[in-house]
Structures are given as C-alpha cells and as structure tokens.
Amino acid sequence: MYRLILVILLLTALYLLLRQMFRGFNAPIGDGRKNSSVRAQGEEQDQMVEDPVCHIFVPRQIAVIETIGVREYCFCSQECAGRFRSEHPI
C-alpha cells in the first residue's frame, strides 16, 4: 500500500516538473522586460469576443470588426454583421 502511494506521489511530482519545464520552452527568450503597449496589444488580440447576433465566441484577431454609430462590434462572419446592421439601423 505504501509503495503505491509513493509511486503516485513520484509520478505526480514528475508530471508537475515536466509540465513546468515544457511551459518554460514556450516562453520568449529575453530579459523579461517587454514593452507594456506590446503586451497589451498581444493580450487584446488573444481576447475572446462574443458575437451579438449568434452569441458565438471568436478570437478578436479573426473577428469581423464593424463600427456602427459610435460603438465597435465584433462578429464571427460578414453574414452576422449584415444581419446586425439590418436589425439595428443607425
């Protein structure tokens, strides 16, 4: 019984160590001081936005962005953007 618990603990520790190690390989090489505007821009592009018509979440970098009136809307496709415009005239 004690051997089983010991093996489980060792495997868990090995898993956590390997996971942390591989996450470190994906980190950018540098001194760790990124420009805050570059970081904010990257976070904005990774942001998921909801389509107001079909309520599907899409990444902001591939969303169809339309400015209607004074507000900016993000859509999953041109069809949803056209449908939104027809339902909400200016």
Protein backbone atom coordinates (compact mmCIF):
# COMPACT_ATOMS: atom_id res chain seq x y z
CA MET A 1 0.00 0.00 0.00
CA TYR A 2 2.81 2.41 0.92
CA ARG A 3 4.60 1.61 -2.33
CA LEU A 4 1.52 2.55 -4.33
CA ILE A 5 1.20 5.90 -2.54
CA LEU A 6 4.91 6.56 -3.02
CA VAL A 7 4.71 5.76 -6.74
CA ILE A 8 1.67 8.02 -7.17
CA LEU A 9 3.44 10.89 -5.40
CA LEU A 10 6.58 10.44 -7.50
CA LEU A 11 4.60 10.32 -10.74
CA THR A 12 2.68 13.45 -9.75
CA ALA A 13 5.91 15.28 -8.95
CA LEU A 14 7.44 14.15 -12.26
CA TYR A 15 4.34 15.31 -14.14
CA LEU A 16 4.41 18.75 -12.50
CA LEU A 17 8.13 19.10 -13.15
CA LEU A 18 7.81 18.16 -16.83
CA ARG A 19 4.80 20.43 -17.30
CA GLN A 20 6.68 23.39 -15.85
CA MET A 21 9.75 22.59 -17.93
CA PHE A 22 7.82 22.47 -21.22
CA ARG A 23 5.95 25.66 -20.40
CA GLY A 24 9.33 27.32 -19.97
CA PHE A 25 10.35 26.33 -23.51
CA ASN A 26 7.38 28.25 -24.93
CA ALA A 27 8.35 31.46 -23.12
CA PRO A 28 10.09 34.10 -25.23
CA ILE A 29 13.85 34.43 -24.83
CA GLY A 30 14.95 37.79 -23.47
CA ASP A 31 15.42 39.70 -20.29
CA GLY A 32 11.72 39.53 -19.39
CA ARG A 33 11.08 43.24 -19.78
CA LYS A 34 8.50 43.64 -22.53
CA ASN A 35 7.07 46.93 -23.61
CA SER A 36 3.69 47.35 -21.91
CA SER A 37 1.99 48.51 -25.12
CA VAL A 38 3.23 45.42 -26.99
CA ARG A 39 1.99 43.19 -24.16
CA ALA A 40 -1.41 44.96 -24.09
CA GLN A 41 -1.75 44.58 -27.85
CA GLY A 42 -0.96 40.86 -27.64
CA GLU A 43 -3.47 40.37 -24.84
CA GLU A 44 -6.10 42.25 -26.85
CA GLN A 45 -5.60 40.00 -29.86
CA ASP A 46 -5.88 36.88 -27.71
CA GLN A 47 -9.14 38.10 -26.19
CA MET A 48 -12.32 36.15 -26.98
CA VAL A 49 -15.27 38.33 -28.01
CA GLU A 50 -18.93 37.40 -28.30
CA ASP A 51 -20.88 37.87 -31.50
CA PRO A 52 -24.03 39.89 -30.59
CA VAL A 53 -26.14 38.05 -33.21
CA CYS A 54 -25.38 34.33 -32.80
CA HIS A 55 -23.58 34.59 -29.41
CA ILE A 56 -20.55 32.60 -30.58
CA PHE A 57 -17.19 33.49 -29.02
CA VAL A 58 -14.39 34.13 -31.51
CA PRO A 59 -10.79 35.34 -31.07
CA ARG A 60 -10.59 39.10 -31.58
CA GLN A 61 -7.80 38.77 -34.16
CA ILE A 62 -10.06 36.84 -36.58
CA ALA A 63 -13.35 38.60 -35.75
CA VAL A 64 -15.08 40.88 -38.25
CA ILE A 65 -14.94 44.27 -36.52
CA GLU A 66 -17.53 46.88 -37.52
CA THR A 67 -18.04 50.37 -36.13
CA ILE A 68 -21.76 51.10 -36.04
CA GLY A 69 -22.65 54.52 -34.70
CA VAL A 70 -20.06 55.27 -32.04
CA ARG A 71 -19.66 51.69 -30.85
CA GLU A 72 -17.41 48.92 -32.11
CA TYR A 73 -18.92 45.42 -32.56
CA CYS A 74 -17.17 42.12 -33.24
CA PHE A 75 -18.84 39.46 -35.38
CA CYS A 76 -17.98 35.90 -36.31
CA SER A 77 -18.77 36.48 -40.02
CA GLN A 78 -19.88 39.04 -42.58
CA GLU A 79 -23.35 37.46 -42.57
CA CYS A 80 -23.80 38.19 -38.86
CA ALA A 81 -22.54 41.75 -39.36
CA GLY A 82 -25.07 42.34 -42.17
CA ARG A 83 -27.87 40.82 -40.13
CA PHE A 84 -27.00 43.05 -37.16
CA ARG A 85 -26.97 46.14 -39.39
CA SER A 86 -30.43 45.25 -40.81
CA GLU A 87 -31.86 44.70 -37.32
CA HIS A 88 -30.26 47.86 -35.82
CA PRO A 89 -30.42 50.76 -38.28
CA ILE A 90 -28.49 53.88 -37.26
